[in-house]
Amino acid sequence: MSGGSRLMRAIRVTEFGAPSVLRLRAHVAVPQPGNGQVLIRVHACGVNPVETYIRAGTYARKPPLPYTPGTDVAGVVETVGEGVISVKAGDRVFTTATESGGYAEFAVAAHQCVHKLPDALHLSQGAAIGVPYFTAYRALVHKGHAKAGETVLIHGASGGVGVAACQLSRALGLKVLGTAGTPEGLKLALSNGAHLAFNHREEGYTDRIMEATQGGGIDVIVEMLSNVNLSADLQMLALGGRVTVVGCRGSVEINPRDTMAKESSIMGVGLFFATPEENKECAALLYAGMEAGWLRPVVGSQYPLAEAAQAHHDIIQCPGATGKTVLIM
């Protein structure tokens, strides 16, 4: 529903294509919350790699045009629709999904996707929680079935999901190994829960990972770039090991014998398949982590809303991630 005469700035996409299709519009109607919905005045919105695939038109799920991208907003509740009792006007919140799109000054979200943000975290950190932490938890727990005492490799540990996976893995009692492509990324992984970190640009880094496991291999690999790493991942797994595929930018050739040798598994991770019960479980653990202090999102590059196209370019082309990319309203 339109908000009448209330207008806002928002990014609108009218065609799929290059980052330049992300266009800032200054006179977009402010959406109004329906039953069970919440209107949020957005302070910041996280940028996720999947949003670049959707914008390019290469992702399996395409929104109807025109649309506003963005799922991970953080801000303050403006108003709530009928039947909403979980939050109220004035509450600081973050989301895991939106109905109207998050690259905007206001966004509407279903109440079950809106979560209170503790005062200890600032709003730009709130925009770094949604997709990264819920994806990391799904990859580790619901798909990877990681158990305390096992060894996990976070393959791409310095980006939004990677940092989240390091923090979660450490809190869950795992031995945490991480990879990154820059010295800054390696430091970030180590300061956010990784026991050891390896530069995936160095020759022989997989040998060093295996040495760190005394040759026993990895129980769970959270894989951010499977089109590059999957074949090597399979060879690093322990007996019964699991690879959870979070990211992929193309095809890859593997030898199925590598799965037979370890009775290993490859599982895709799709956050949109999570059940309400699974999301509730994840939200409860994440809130406990915020209260305890071990869940501390790392915000990387920040861009004004008008530079959303540059943010989309940089998140894919950057030589090494260092935290979560965020748009600031």
Protein backbone atom coordinates (compact mmCIF):
# COMPACT_ATOMS: atom_id res chain seq x y z
CA MET A 1 0.00 0.00 0.00
CA SER A 2 1.11 3.54 -0.70
CA GLY A 3 1.86 5.91 2.13
CA GLY A 4 -0.18 8.71 0.52
CA SER A 5 1.86 11.90 0.24
CA ARG A 6 4.84 10.58 2.24
CA LEU A 7 7.82 10.12 -0.03
CA MET A 8 11.28 8.63 0.44
CA ARG A 9 14.50 7.92 -1.41
CA ALA A 10 14.95 4.34 -2.60
CA ILE A 11 16.91 2.31 -5.10
CA ARG A 12 14.69 0.97 -7.88
CA VAL A 13 15.55 -1.69 -10.46
CA THR A 14 13.48 -1.62 -13.67
CA GLU A 15 15.59 -4.10 -15.67
CA PHE A 16 18.09 -6.85 -14.88
CA GLY A 17 21.70 -6.13 -15.75
CA ALA A 18 24.95 -4.48 -14.62
CA PRO A 19 25.25 -2.53 -11.35
CA SER A 20 24.21 0.62 -13.24
CA VAL A 21 20.58 -0.62 -13.24
CA LEU A 22 20.47 0.28 -9.53
CA ARG A 23 18.99 3.77 -9.74
CA LEU A 24 18.26 6.15 -6.89
CA ARG A 25 14.74 7.59 -6.97
CA ALA A 26 13.85 10.53 -4.75
CA HIS A 27 10.04 10.40 -4.87
CA VAL A 28 9.06 6.86 -3.97
CA ALA A 29 5.95 6.38 -1.84
CA VAL A 30 6.64 5.27 1.72
CA PRO A 31 5.07 1.79 2.15
CA GLN A 32 2.54 1.21 4.91
CA PRO A 33 2.43 -1.92 7.09
CA GLY A 34 -0.47 -4.32 6.65
CA ASN A 35 -1.65 -6.92 9.14
CA GLY A 36 1.30 -8.55 10.88
CA GLN A 37 3.80 -6.13 9.31
CA VAL A 38 6.22 -3.53 10.64
CA LEU A 39 7.32 -0.22 9.07
CA ILE A 40 10.97 0.54 9.83
CA ARG A 41 12.84 3.82 9.38
CA VAL A 42 16.03 2.38 7.91
CA HIS A 43 19.43 3.50 9.18
CA ALA A 44 21.51 0.92 7.30
CA CYS A 45 21.05 -2.03 4.97
CA GLY A 46 23.48 -4.86 4.41
CA VAL A 47 24.59 -5.76 0.88
CA ASN A 48 24.77 -9.49 0.16
CA PRO A 49 26.47 -11.13 -2.85
CA VAL A 50 23.21 -12.91 -3.74
CA GLU A 51 21.65 -9.51 -4.39
CA THR A 52 24.16 -8.92 -7.20
CA TYR A 53 23.16 -12.23 -8.84
CA ILE A 54 19.47 -11.34 -8.58
CA ARG A 55 20.10 -7.87 -10.02
CA ALA A 56 22.07 -9.39 -12.91
CA GLY A 57 19.17 -11.74 -13.69
CA THR A 58 21.35 -14.85 -13.29
CA TYR A 59 19.79 -16.14 -10.06
CA ALA A 60 17.13 -18.86 -10.03
CA ARG A 61 14.66 -16.67 -8.15
CA LYS A 62 13.86 -13.38 -9.88
CA PRO A 63 11.59 -10.72 -8.34
CA PRO A 64 8.98 -9.05 -10.54
CA LEU A 65 10.15 -5.72 -11.96
CA PRO A 66 10.43 -3.03 -10.80
CA TYR A 67 11.77 -3.81 -7.34
CA THR A 68 13.93 -2.49 -4.51
CA PRO A 69 16.70 -4.88 -3.36
CA GLY A 70 17.71 -5.55 0.21
CA THR A 71 16.75 -7.84 3.07
CA ASP A 72 19.03 -6.95 6.00
CA VAL A 73 17.91 -3.60 7.36
CA ALA A 74 18.52 -2.09 10.76
CA GLY A 75 16.68 0.91 12.10
CA VAL A 76 13.88 2.07 14.33
CA VAL A 77 10.26 0.93 14.22
CA GLU A 78 8.07 3.72 12.84
CA THR A 79 4.67 2.04 13.06
CA VAL A 80 3.26 -1.49 13.28
CA GLY A 81 0.31 -3.11 11.56
CA GLU A 82 -2.63 -4.80 13.20
CA GLY A 83 -1.79 -7.84 15.30
CA VAL A 84 1.90 -7.02 15.89
CA ILE A 85 2.89 -7.34 19.56
CA SER A 86 6.54 -8.44 19.29
CA VAL A 87 7.84 -4.89 18.63
CA LYS A 88 6.50 -1.35 18.99
CA ALA A 89 7.22 2.13 17.65
CA GLY A 90 10.64 3.35 18.79
CA ASP A 91 12.23 -0.10 19.12
CA ARG A 92 15.68 -0.61 17.57
CA VAL A 93 15.44 -3.63 15.26
CA PHE A 94 17.10 -5.63 12.49
CA THR A 95 15.49 -7.84 9.84
CA THR A 96 16.16 -11.10 8.02
CA ALA A 97 13.84 -10.22 5.13
CA THR A 98 11.70 -7.33 3.91
CA GLU A 99 8.50 -7.08 1.90
CA SER A 100 9.27 -3.76 0.20
CA GLY A 101 13.09 -3.84 -0.13
CA GLY A 102 15.80 -2.53 2.15
CA TYR A 103 17.78 -0.16 -0.10
CA ALA A 104 15.43 2.62 1.00
CA GLU A 105 14.77 5.12 3.77
CA PHE A 106 11.76 3.10 4.95
CA ALA A 107 11.00 -0.61 4.65
CA VAL A 108 8.11 -2.91 5.54
CA ALA A 109 8.85 -6.37 6.93
CA ALA A 110 6.75 -9.24 8.26
CA HIS A 111 6.82 -9.25 12.06
CA GLN A 112 8.44 -12.70 12.23
CA CYS A 113 11.41 -11.32 10.27
CA VAL A 114 11.91 -8.38 12.66
CA HIS A 115 14.15 -8.84 15.70
CA LYS A 116 15.09 -6.48 18.51
CA LEU A 117 18.65 -5.13 18.42
CA PRO A 118 20.39 -4.88 21.81
CA ASP A 119 21.74 -1.47 22.79
CA ALA A 120 25.29 -2.85 22.83
CA LEU A 121 25.28 -3.03 19.01
CA HIS A 122 25.03 0.03 16.79
CA LEU A 123 22.59 0.13 13.90
CA SER A 124 25.17 -0.42 11.15
CA GLN A 125 26.15 -3.64 12.95
CA GLY A 126 22.48 -4.58 12.98
CA ALA A 127 22.50 -4.46 9.17
CA ALA A 128 25.28 -7.07 9.21
CA ILE A 129 23.33 -9.74 11.13
CA GLY A 130 20.42 -11.01 9.03
CA VAL A 131 21.51 -13.07 6.04
CA PRO A 132 25.14 -13.61 7.21
CA TYR A 133 24.40 -15.02 10.66
CA PHE A 134 21.26 -16.93 9.76
CA THR A 135 23.10 -18.45 6.76
CA ALA A 136 26.14 -19.34 8.87
CA TYR A 137 23.95 -21.04 11.49
CA ARG A 138 22.01 -22.94 8.83
CA ALA A 139 25.23 -24.09 7.17
CA LEU A 140 26.88 -25.20 10.41
CA VAL A 141 23.96 -26.65 12.37
CA HIS A 142 20.95 -27.44 10.20
CA LYS A 143 22.93 -28.68 7.16
CA GLY A 144 26.45 -29.43 8.41
CA HIS A 145 25.29 -30.97 11.74
CA ALA A 146 28.47 -29.65 13.36
CA LYS A 147 29.12 -30.91 16.89
CA ALA A 148 31.34 -29.58 19.66
CA GLY A 149 34.84 -31.01 19.35
CA GLU A 150 34.73 -31.30 15.56
CA THR A 151 36.97 -29.33 13.20
CA VAL A 152 35.42 -26.78 10.84
CA LEU A 153 37.02 -24.93 7.93
CA ILE A 154 35.47 -21.58 7.05
CA HIS A 155 36.60 -21.25 3.44
CA GLY A 156 36.32 -17.48 3.04
CA ALA A 157 36.40 -16.40 6.66
CA SER A 158 36.74 -12.62 6.30
CA GLY A 159 33.43 -11.71 4.62
CA GLY A 160 30.03 -11.26 6.21
CA VAL A 161 29.07 -14.94 6.36
CA GLY A 162 32.66 -15.94 7.08
CA VAL A 163 33.02 -13.75 10.16
CA ALA A 164 29.60 -14.92 11.38
CA ALA A 165 30.61 -18.57 10.87
CA CYS A 166 33.86 -18.05 12.79
CA GLN A 167 32.08 -16.51 15.77
CA LEU A 168 29.33 -19.14 15.78
CA SER A 169 31.76 -22.04 15.37
CA ARG A 170 33.88 -20.89 18.29
CA ALA A 171 30.78 -20.45 20.47
CA LEU A 172 29.58 -23.95 19.52
CA GLY A 173 32.84 -25.54 20.71
CA LEU A 174 34.42 -26.36 17.35
CA LYS A 175 38.07 -26.18 16.35
CA VAL A 176 37.94 -23.32 13.87
CA LEU A 177 40.18 -22.99 10.81
CA GLY A 178 39.67 -20.11 8.39
CA THR A 179 40.97 -18.92 5.04
CA ALA A 180 41.29 -15.43 3.60
CA GLY A 181 43.13 -13.81 0.71
CA THR A 182 44.77 -10.81 2.38
CA PRO A 183 46.77 -10.17 5.56
CA GLU A 184 43.88 -8.01 6.82
CA GLY A 185 41.45 -10.84 6.18
CA LEU A 186 43.61 -13.32 8.05
CA LYS A 187 43.78 -11.00 11.07
CA LEU A 188 40.01 -10.53 10.93
CA ALA A 189 39.41 -14.30 10.96
CA LEU A 190 41.76 -14.79 13.91
CA SER A 191 40.20 -11.94 15.90
CA ASN A 192 36.70 -13.36 15.38
CA GLY A 193 37.10 -16.93 16.55
CA ALA A 194 39.42 -18.80 14.19
CA HIS A 195 42.13 -20.75 15.98
CA LEU A 196 44.24 -20.81 12.81
CA ALA A 197 44.04 -18.91 9.51
CA PHE A 198 45.52 -19.71 6.09
CA ASN A 199 46.03 -17.58 2.98
CA HIS A 200 44.15 -19.30 0.16
CA ARG A 201 46.27 -17.43 -2.41
CA GLU A 202 49.45 -19.20 -1.28
CA GLU A 203 50.68 -22.35 -2.98
CA GLY A 204 50.24 -25.44 -0.83
CA TYR A 205 47.86 -23.89 1.69
CA THR A 206 45.65 -27.00 1.66
CA ASP A 207 48.66 -29.09 2.72
CA ARG A 208 49.15 -26.78 5.70
CA ILE A 209 45.47 -27.14 6.60
CA MET A 210 45.82 -30.92 6.58
CA GLU A 211 48.95 -30.68 8.74
CA ALA A 212 46.94 -28.63 11.24
CA THR A 213 44.51 -31.56 11.55
CA GLN A 214 47.39 -34.06 12.00
CA GLY A 215 46.19 -35.61 8.75
CA GLY A 216 42.75 -36.40 10.15
CA GLY A 217 40.95 -33.96 7.89
CA ILE A 218 38.07 -31.52 8.29
CA ASP A 219 34.64 -32.53 9.61
CA VAL A 220 32.67 -29.58 8.18
CA ILE A 221 33.64 -27.08 5.48
CA VAL A 222 31.58 -23.91 5.03
CA GLU A 223 32.34 -23.03 1.41
CA MET A 224 31.92 -19.50 0.02
CA LEU A 225 33.43 -20.08 -3.46
CA SER A 226 32.63 -23.64 -4.40
CA ASN A 227 33.32 -23.20 -8.12
CA VAL A 228 37.00 -22.73 -7.20
CA ASN A 229 37.44 -24.84 -4.06
CA LEU A 230 35.04 -27.79 -4.11
CA SER A 231 37.37 -30.41 -5.59
CA ALA A 232 40.11 -29.60 -3.07
CA ASP A 233 37.53 -29.47 -0.27
CA LEU A 234 36.51 -33.07 -0.90
CA GLN A 235 40.11 -34.19 -0.55
CA MET A 236 40.51 -32.39 2.79
CA LEU A 237 37.47 -33.93 4.47
CA ALA A 238 37.61 -36.43 7.31
CA LEU A 239 35.65 -39.68 7.15
CA GLY A 240 31.98 -38.70 7.03
CA GLY A 241 32.89 -35.07 6.38
CA ARG A 242 30.41 -32.51 5.05
CA VAL A 243 30.78 -29.56 2.68
CA THR A 244 28.04 -26.93 2.94
CA VAL A 245 27.89 -24.76 -0.18
CA VAL A 246 27.07 -21.15 0.66
CA GLY A 247 28.53 -19.42 -2.39
CA CYS A 248 29.16 -20.24 -6.04
CA ARG A 249 30.00 -18.13 -9.08
CA GLY A 250 30.20 -20.78 -11.78
CA SER A 251 30.59 -24.48 -12.53
CA VAL A 252 33.27 -26.85 -11.23
CA GLU A 253 34.53 -30.33 -12.04
CA ILE A 254 34.85 -32.85 -9.22
CA ASN A 255 35.69 -36.54 -9.01
CA PRO A 256 32.78 -38.37 -7.32
CA ARG A 257 35.29 -40.97 -6.11
CA ASP A 258 36.45 -38.38 -3.59
CA THR A 259 33.04 -38.58 -1.91
CA MET A 260 33.13 -42.39 -1.94
CA ALA A 261 36.59 -42.49 -0.32
CA LYS A 262 35.32 -40.60 2.75
CA GLU A 263 31.56 -41.27 2.56
CA SER A 264 31.33 -37.50 2.46
CA SER A 265 28.43 -35.20 1.63
CA ILE A 266 27.97 -31.99 -0.35
CA MET A 267 24.97 -29.90 0.67
CA GLY A 268 23.63 -26.66 -0.72
CA VAL A 269 22.48 -23.98 1.71
CA GLY A 270 19.40 -21.92 0.82
CA LEU A 271 18.24 -19.65 3.61
CA PHE A 272 14.81 -19.21 2.02
CA PHE A 273 14.08 -22.91 2.67
CA ALA A 274 14.42 -22.51 6.46
CA THR A 275 11.23 -23.32 8.36
CA PRO A 276 9.73 -20.89 10.89
CA GLU A 277 10.85 -23.28 13.65
CA GLU A 278 14.44 -23.29 12.34
CA ASN A 279 14.49 -19.49 12.12
CA LYS A 280 13.12 -19.19 15.65
CA GLU A 281 15.84 -21.53 16.95
CA CYS A 282 18.54 -19.56 15.15
CA ALA A 283 17.20 -16.21 16.36
CA ALA A 284 17.21 -17.42 19.97
CA LEU A 285 20.85 -18.49 19.79
CA LEU A 286 21.93 -15.29 18.04
CA TYR A 287 20.18 -13.12 20.63
CA ALA A 288 21.94 -15.05 23.38
CA GLY A 289 25.22 -14.37 21.55
CA MET A 290 24.50 -10.65 21.43
CA GLU A 291 23.71 -10.62 25.13
CA ALA A 292 26.81 -12.64 26.00
CA GLY A 293 29.01 -10.48 23.79
CA TRP A 294 30.48 -13.06 21.40
CA LEU A 295 28.22 -12.06 18.52
CA ARG A 296 29.74 -8.82 17.27
CA PRO A 297 29.18 -8.13 13.57
CA VAL A 298 32.11 -6.62 11.71
CA VAL A 299 31.13 -3.83 9.34
CA GLY A 300 33.49 -3.42 6.40
CA SER A 301 32.95 -0.95 3.57
CA GLN A 302 30.13 1.56 4.04
CA TYR A 303 28.47 3.42 1.16
CA PRO A 304 25.77 6.10 1.00
CA LEU A 305 22.52 4.91 -0.58
CA ALA A 306 23.31 6.82 -3.79
CA GLU A 307 26.39 4.62 -4.30
CA ALA A 308 24.58 1.27 -4.23
CA ALA A 309 25.84 0.49 -7.75
CA GLN A 310 29.44 0.97 -6.61
CA ALA A 311 28.79 -1.28 -3.61
CA HIS A 312 27.50 -4.02 -5.95
CA HIS A 313 30.58 -3.69 -8.15
CA ASP A 314 33.02 -3.75 -5.25
CA ILE A 315 31.51 -6.69 -3.34
CA ILE A 316 32.15 -8.95 -6.34
CA GLN A 317 35.41 -7.43 -7.64
CA CYS A 318 37.22 -6.74 -4.35
CA PRO A 319 40.47 -8.72 -3.89
CA GLY A 320 39.55 -9.80 -0.35
CA ALA A 321 36.57 -9.24 1.88
CA THR A 322 36.96 -7.60 5.31
CA GLY A 323 33.59 -7.65 7.00
CA LYS A 324 30.08 -6.82 5.87
CA THR A 325 29.32 -4.27 3.14
CA VAL A 326 26.64 -1.85 4.31
CA LEU A 327 24.59 0.98 2.78
CA ILE A 328 23.97 3.95 5.07
CA MET A 329 20.82 6.00 4.58
